[in-house]
Amino acid sequence: MDYRRQTEQMEEEYLARYAARSSRTAGRQYFEEPCLVRTEFQRDRDRIIHSKAFRRLKHKTQVFIIPAGDHYRTRLTHTLEVAQISRTVARALRLNEDLTEAIALGHDLGHTPFGHAGESALAEVMPGGFKHNRQSLRVVEELESERGLNLTAEVRDGILNHTGPVTPSTLEGQIVKIADRVAYINHDIDDAIRGGILKEDDLPPRCLEILGREHRTRINSMVMDLIENSRDKPAISMSGPVWEITDGLRSFLFQNVYIDSEAKREESKARHVVQYLYAYWTAHPHMLPPEYMGRTEALGVQRAVCDYIAGMTDRYAIARFKALFIPSSFAIPEEDG
């Protein structure tokens, strides 16, 4: 039985008029025979989850670089929170949950080690700069396996435009763009409170008044506003007052957490790690792993080195830095007698 067609028929009958239908996808870069069980967007979700880049997210920084506690967010837990929020909104609006989830799970695959500190460090040395959303697209189009993951156009569009000035072409992608902000604002506040950098009462009074005093209450307030303000509309957005508060919270985090706080104490060291590795391998490309050394002729040395470093976890980048720049001990044999 062709189970995929059953699901596609359910989408046609149930989803809202502005929702993306998997049977009407703009397609993949390379043709593939459809699956008998999964829709095209379900296949994309599964490919992302099974990718090496997705697994590496568990050891990449969100805000706190190599935190001592077990309860601070990593890039992987951030991704899962974005996916959860996105699916909640998509279901309430009768949009395509599978497409929303695939975009959410793939949106940060190209993030560097050490979070935005690593991103800005690479941006300073890489000709043309570096943006993690563009790198995420490179991961799914080129770097995972020989031809990338060969995802649908809708998922690739959502990954590329989850940040920046361009609006995603689907409502599902627009959900992820806002859910990403909802997730990181709230969990970064939670982590900052856990780390003793903030107290609940430090948050702007209007935020506490409108959104609530508890972590879960603030997320729920934002999500409910997003749903109610987007129902039966061809665009996804919060109401003006809640968006203003959300934007204000982001500015508050930049002033109190993201810049010159205890959470950022190790950032300058992390930046040095990234830039020293970049300088070393661009000067000695023959020392790259064979997979990346083989790409230097087609892509150029700097692009190949950038791809290699961007894919690293925090701990792997530190291990490579130690191996290249930190002297190791020399074992002196004991003398006879």
Protein backbone atom coordinates (compact mmCIF):
# COMPACT_ATOMS: atom_id res chain seq x y z
CA MET A 1 0.00 0.00 0.00
CA ASP A 2 1.20 3.52 -0.78
CA TYR A 3 0.96 5.04 2.70
CA ARG A 4 2.54 8.28 1.51
CA ARG A 5 -0.43 9.02 -0.72
CA GLN A 6 -2.80 8.55 2.21
CA THR A 7 -0.88 11.15 4.19
CA GLU A 8 -0.82 13.51 1.22
CA GLN A 9 -4.58 13.16 0.88
CA MET A 10 -5.00 13.92 4.59
CA GLU A 11 -2.92 17.07 4.10
CA GLU A 12 -5.13 18.18 1.23
CA GLU A 13 -8.26 17.76 3.31
CA TYR A 14 -7.08 19.02 6.70
CA LEU A 15 -4.37 21.67 6.29
CA ALA A 16 -5.22 25.38 6.10
CA ARG A 17 -5.34 27.03 2.70
CA TYR A 18 -1.97 28.79 3.20
CA ALA A 19 -0.17 25.62 4.33
CA ALA A 20 2.54 23.93 2.28
CA ARG A 21 1.50 20.54 0.87
CA SER A 22 4.22 17.91 0.59
CA SER A 23 2.70 16.65 -2.68
CA ARG A 24 3.26 20.11 -4.18
CA THR A 25 6.87 20.57 -3.15
CA ALA A 26 9.12 22.48 -5.53
CA GLY A 27 11.35 19.43 -5.42
CA ARG A 28 14.92 18.44 -4.70
CA GLN A 29 18.19 19.36 -6.37
CA TYR A 30 18.52 15.77 -7.62
CA PHE A 31 15.54 13.63 -8.54
CA GLU A 32 14.67 10.70 -6.29
CA GLU A 33 11.86 8.20 -6.42
CA PRO A 34 9.21 9.01 -3.77
CA CYS A 35 9.05 6.92 -0.61
CA LEU A 36 6.06 4.60 -0.20
CA VAL A 37 5.63 5.53 3.46
CA ARG A 38 6.96 9.03 4.14
CA THR A 39 6.10 12.34 2.52
CA GLU A 40 8.90 14.45 1.07
CA PHE A 41 9.08 16.68 4.16
CA GLN A 42 9.10 13.67 6.48
CA ARG A 43 12.07 12.28 4.57
CA ASP A 44 13.87 15.61 4.98
CA ARG A 45 13.27 15.56 8.73
CA ASP A 46 14.63 12.03 9.00
CA ARG A 47 17.72 12.81 6.93
CA ILE A 48 18.56 15.76 9.17
CA ILE A 49 18.15 13.75 12.37
CA HIS A 50 20.41 10.98 11.05
CA SER A 51 23.13 13.37 9.84
CA LYS A 52 26.54 13.73 11.48
CA ALA A 53 26.09 17.49 11.69
CA PHE A 54 22.95 17.04 13.79
CA ARG A 55 24.72 14.73 16.24
CA ARG A 56 27.56 17.21 16.67
CA LEU A 57 25.14 19.89 17.92
CA LYS A 58 25.11 18.25 21.36
CA HIS A 59 28.69 19.43 21.95
CA LYS A 60 28.37 22.94 20.53
CA THR A 61 27.89 26.06 22.66
CA GLN A 62 24.60 27.87 22.96
CA VAL A 63 25.61 30.72 25.32
CA PHE A 64 27.80 29.25 28.06
CA ILE A 65 31.10 27.95 26.70
CA ILE A 66 31.85 24.50 28.13
CA PRO A 67 29.57 24.97 31.16
CA ALA A 68 30.33 23.03 34.33
CA GLY A 69 26.67 22.16 34.96
CA ASP A 70 24.64 19.54 33.13
CA HIS A 71 21.48 21.65 32.79
CA TYR A 72 22.69 24.47 30.56
CA ARG A 73 21.49 24.48 26.97
CA THR A 74 23.64 23.30 24.11
CA ARG A 75 23.06 23.94 20.42
CA LEU A 76 21.20 20.61 20.25
CA THR A 77 18.80 21.31 23.11
CA HIS A 78 18.17 24.76 21.63
CA THR A 79 17.32 23.09 18.31
CA LEU A 80 14.88 20.71 20.00
CA GLU A 81 13.18 23.58 21.84
CA VAL A 82 12.78 25.49 18.57
CA ALA A 83 11.29 22.36 16.96
CA GLN A 84 8.84 21.89 19.85
CA ILE A 85 7.63 25.49 19.79
CA SER A 86 7.41 25.46 16.00
CA ARG A 87 5.32 22.29 15.91
CA THR A 88 2.95 23.64 18.55
CA VAL A 89 2.29 26.76 16.47
CA ALA A 90 2.04 24.83 13.20
CA ARG A 91 -0.48 22.39 14.63
CA ALA A 92 -2.66 25.14 16.07
CA LEU A 93 -2.69 26.96 12.72
CA ARG A 94 -3.18 23.74 10.72
CA LEU A 95 0.07 24.25 8.85
CA ASN A 96 2.47 21.50 7.80
CA GLU A 97 4.11 20.18 10.97
CA ASP A 98 6.57 17.96 9.10
CA LEU A 99 7.94 20.85 7.07
CA THR A 100 8.11 23.05 10.16
CA GLU A 101 9.96 20.39 12.11
CA ALA A 102 12.44 19.69 9.32
CA ILE A 103 13.36 23.37 9.04
CA ALA A 104 13.66 23.73 12.81
CA LEU A 105 15.88 20.67 13.18
CA GLY A 106 18.16 21.83 10.37
CA HIS A 107 18.36 25.55 11.02
CA ASP A 108 21.59 25.52 13.07
CA LEU A 109 23.49 22.63 11.47
CA GLY A 110 26.15 25.04 10.25
CA HIS A 111 26.81 26.71 13.58
CA THR A 112 30.43 26.92 14.64
CA PRO A 113 32.01 25.67 17.85
CA PHE A 114 31.70 28.19 20.72
CA GLY A 115 28.43 29.61 19.44
CA HIS A 116 28.33 33.18 18.17
CA ALA A 117 31.88 33.79 19.43
CA GLY A 118 33.11 31.19 16.95
CA GLU A 119 30.86 32.60 14.24
CA SER A 120 32.21 36.14 14.62
CA ALA A 121 35.79 34.84 14.83
CA LEU A 122 35.42 33.04 11.50
CA ALA A 123 33.63 36.01 9.98
CA GLU A 124 36.66 38.21 10.71
CA VAL A 125 39.17 35.98 8.90
CA MET A 126 37.12 34.34 6.15
CA PRO A 127 37.01 36.35 2.90
CA GLY A 128 33.40 37.33 2.31
CA GLY A 129 32.57 36.77 5.97
CA PHE A 130 30.73 33.90 7.62
CA LYS A 131 27.06 33.42 8.54
CA HIS A 132 25.84 30.29 10.27
CA ASN A 133 22.59 30.18 8.27
CA ARG A 134 24.51 30.12 4.99
CA GLN A 135 26.78 27.46 6.42
CA SER A 136 23.75 25.41 7.46
CA LEU A 137 22.64 25.48 3.84
CA ARG A 138 26.14 24.38 2.75
CA VAL A 139 25.92 21.45 5.15
CA VAL A 140 22.66 20.12 3.72
CA GLU A 141 23.52 20.90 0.09
CA GLU A 142 27.18 19.90 -0.09
CA LEU A 143 28.98 18.76 3.06
CA GLU A 144 26.87 15.85 4.32
CA SER A 145 27.78 12.84 2.15
CA GLU A 146 28.78 13.23 -1.49
CA ARG A 147 25.82 15.34 -2.64
CA GLY A 148 24.52 16.69 0.62
CA LEU A 149 21.17 15.60 2.03
CA ASN A 150 19.29 16.56 -1.15
CA LEU A 151 16.49 18.25 0.77
CA THR A 152 13.40 19.88 -0.72
CA ALA A 153 13.48 23.51 -1.78
CA GLU A 154 11.07 24.52 1.00
CA VAL A 155 13.29 23.13 3.76
CA ARG A 156 16.43 24.67 2.27
CA ASP A 157 14.68 28.04 2.00
CA GLY A 158 13.57 27.88 5.64
CA ILE A 159 17.07 26.96 6.84
CA LEU A 160 18.72 29.77 4.88
CA ASN A 161 16.23 32.45 5.91
CA HIS A 162 15.62 31.52 9.56
CA THR A 163 17.68 34.61 10.38
CA GLY A 164 18.46 37.77 8.45
CA PRO A 165 16.32 40.21 6.47
CA VAL A 166 14.70 37.78 4.02
CA THR A 167 11.32 36.30 4.93
CA PRO A 168 11.01 32.53 4.34
CA SER A 169 8.79 31.65 1.40
CA THR A 170 6.52 29.35 3.45
CA LEU A 171 4.49 30.07 6.56
CA GLU A 172 6.18 27.05 8.12
CA GLY A 173 9.56 28.70 7.63
CA GLN A 174 8.21 31.94 9.08
CA ILE A 175 7.12 30.06 12.19
CA VAL A 176 10.65 28.72 12.71
CA LYS A 177 12.14 32.19 12.28
CA ILE A 178 10.06 33.54 15.18
CA ALA A 179 10.19 30.33 17.27
CA ASP A 180 13.99 30.51 17.14
CA ARG A 181 13.87 33.91 18.82
CA VAL A 182 11.21 32.83 21.32
CA ALA A 183 13.30 29.81 22.28
CA TYR A 184 16.69 31.45 22.69
CA ILE A 185 15.38 34.54 24.50
CA ASN A 186 13.60 32.44 27.09
CA HIS A 187 16.12 29.66 27.57
CA ASP A 188 19.02 32.14 27.69
CA ILE A 189 17.20 33.99 30.48
CA ASP A 190 16.68 30.65 32.25
CA ASP A 191 20.37 29.72 31.89
CA ALA A 192 21.50 33.18 33.01
CA ILE A 193 19.36 32.90 36.14
CA ARG A 194 20.72 29.40 36.77
CA GLY A 195 24.26 30.75 36.38
CA GLY A 196 23.71 33.61 38.81
CA ILE A 197 24.09 36.29 36.15
CA LEU A 198 20.46 37.43 36.40
CA LYS A 199 17.65 37.32 38.91
CA GLU A 200 14.00 37.12 37.91
CA ASP A 201 13.41 40.64 39.23
CA ASP A 202 16.13 42.00 36.94
CA LEU A 203 13.89 41.49 33.91
CA PRO A 204 12.10 44.58 32.56
CA PRO A 205 8.92 45.22 34.63
CA ARG A 206 6.69 45.39 31.54
CA CYS A 207 7.93 41.96 30.47
CA LEU A 208 7.01 40.47 33.84
CA GLU A 209 3.64 42.23 33.75
CA ILE A 210 2.62 41.18 30.22
CA LEU A 211 4.38 37.82 29.76
CA GLY A 212 4.55 36.53 33.33
CA ARG A 213 7.19 35.79 35.96
CA GLU A 214 7.84 32.11 35.22
CA HIS A 215 9.86 30.69 32.32
CA ARG A 216 7.03 28.50 31.04
CA THR A 217 4.48 31.30 31.42
CA ARG A 218 6.53 33.67 29.29
CA ILE A 219 6.93 31.10 26.52
CA ASN A 220 3.22 30.29 26.62
CA SER A 221 2.31 33.98 26.42
CA MET A 222 4.49 34.49 23.35
CA VAL A 223 3.25 31.33 21.64
CA MET A 224 -0.42 32.08 22.29
CA ASP A 225 0.00 35.61 20.97
CA LEU A 226 1.77 34.29 17.86
CA ILE A 227 -1.04 31.81 17.19
CA GLU A 228 -3.89 34.26 17.75
CA ASN A 229 -2.25 36.98 15.67
CA SER A 230 -1.51 34.62 12.73
CA ARG A 231 -4.76 32.68 12.44
CA ASP A 232 -6.13 32.57 8.88
CA LYS A 233 -3.52 35.06 7.66
CA PRO A 234 -0.96 34.71 4.86
CA ALA A 235 1.88 35.69 7.20
CA ILE A 236 3.14 34.73 10.64
CA SER A 237 3.67 37.44 13.24
CA MET A 238 3.18 38.45 16.85
CA SER A 239 0.99 41.35 17.86
CA GLY A 240 2.69 44.74 18.06
CA PRO A 241 2.84 44.95 21.89
CA VAL A 242 4.20 41.43 22.39
CA TRP A 243 6.73 41.81 19.57
CA GLU A 244 7.91 45.05 21.16
CA ILE A 245 8.41 43.28 24.50
CA THR A 246 10.15 40.36 22.81
CA ASP A 247 12.51 42.70 21.00
CA GLY A 248 13.11 44.56 24.25
CA LEU A 249 14.02 41.31 26.01
CA ARG A 250 16.53 40.55 23.26
CA SER A 251 18.14 43.97 23.77
CA PHE A 252 18.12 43.37 27.53
CA LEU A 253 20.01 40.10 27.02
CA PHE A 254 22.62 41.78 24.84
CA GLN A 255 23.21 44.38 27.54
CA ASN A 256 23.25 42.01 30.50
CA VAL A 257 24.24 38.54 29.26
CA TYR A 258 25.59 38.42 25.71
CA ILE A 259 28.19 41.17 26.17
CA ASP A 260 30.79 41.37 28.99
CA SER A 261 28.98 39.10 31.43
CA GLU A 262 30.32 36.09 33.32
CA ALA A 263 28.80 33.90 30.60
CA LYS A 264 31.20 35.45 28.11
CA ARG A 265 34.35 35.25 30.23
CA GLU A 266 35.95 32.57 28.04
CA GLU A 267 34.88 34.00 24.68
CA SER A 268 38.17 35.70 23.88
CA LYS A 269 39.99 32.40 24.37
CA ALA A 270 37.46 30.61 22.17
CA ARG A 271 37.95 33.20 19.44
CA HIS A 272 41.71 32.66 19.57
CA VAL A 273 41.24 28.90 19.22
CA VAL A 274 39.14 29.34 16.06
CA GLN A 275 41.40 31.92 14.46
CA TYR A 276 44.66 30.11 15.30
CA LEU A 277 43.28 26.93 13.75
CA TYR A 278 42.18 28.85 10.66
CA ALA A 279 45.60 30.50 10.29
CA TYR A 280 47.44 27.21 10.73
CA TRP A 281 45.47 25.19 8.18
CA THR A 282 45.33 27.94 5.57
CA ALA A 283 49.14 28.07 5.82
CA HIS A 284 49.49 24.26 5.91
CA PRO A 285 46.57 22.82 3.89
CA HIS A 286 48.45 19.53 3.46
CA MET A 287 47.81 18.96 7.19
CA LEU A 288 44.03 18.94 6.71
CA PRO A 289 42.19 15.60 6.92
CA PRO A 290 42.05 13.93 3.47
CA GLU A 291 38.33 14.68 3.09
CA TYR A 292 38.95 18.43 3.32
CA MET A 293 42.36 18.50 1.67
CA GLY A 294 40.69 16.96 -1.39
CA ARG A 295 38.31 19.92 -1.56
CA THR A 296 40.97 22.62 -1.61
CA GLU A 297 41.46 22.50 -5.39
CA ALA A 298 37.78 22.85 -6.20
CA LEU A 299 36.77 25.21 -3.38
CA GLY A 300 40.00 26.95 -2.43
CA VAL A 301 42.01 26.47 0.74
CA GLN A 302 40.15 29.08 2.80
CA ARG A 303 36.71 27.64 2.02
CA ALA A 304 37.82 24.09 2.83
CA VAL A 305 39.41 25.18 6.12
CA CYS A 306 36.31 27.19 7.04
CA ASP A 307 34.06 24.17 6.39
CA TYR A 308 36.30 21.99 8.54
CA ILE A 309 36.39 24.37 11.51
CA ALA A 310 32.69 25.26 11.34
CA GLY A 311 31.78 21.60 11.65
CA MET A 312 33.81 21.06 14.82
CA THR A 313 32.40 20.64 18.29
CA ASP A 314 33.81 22.76 21.11
CA ARG A 315 35.83 19.91 22.57
CA TYR A 316 37.20 18.76 19.21
CA ALA A 317 38.35 22.29 18.37
CA ILE A 318 40.12 22.50 21.73
CA ALA A 319 41.69 19.07 21.21
CA ARG A 320 43.04 20.08 17.79
CA PHE A 321 44.35 23.36 19.23
CA LYS A 322 46.18 21.50 22.00
CA ALA A 323 47.65 19.01 19.55
CA LEU A 324 48.93 21.77 17.27
CA PHE A 325 50.00 24.50 19.70
CA ILE A 326 50.46 23.10 23.22
CA PRO A 327 53.71 21.19 23.90
CA SER A 328 53.21 17.65 25.12
CA SER A 329 55.35 16.01 27.78
CA PHE A 330 58.39 13.99 26.79
CA ALA A 331 58.84 10.67 28.56
CA ILE A 332 62.47 10.27 29.66
CA PRO A 333 63.48 6.64 30.03
CA GLU A 334 64.90 5.65 33.40
CA GLU A 335 68.65 5.14 33.49
CA ASP A 336 70.07 1.77 34.38
CA GLY A 337 71.65 1.41 37.75
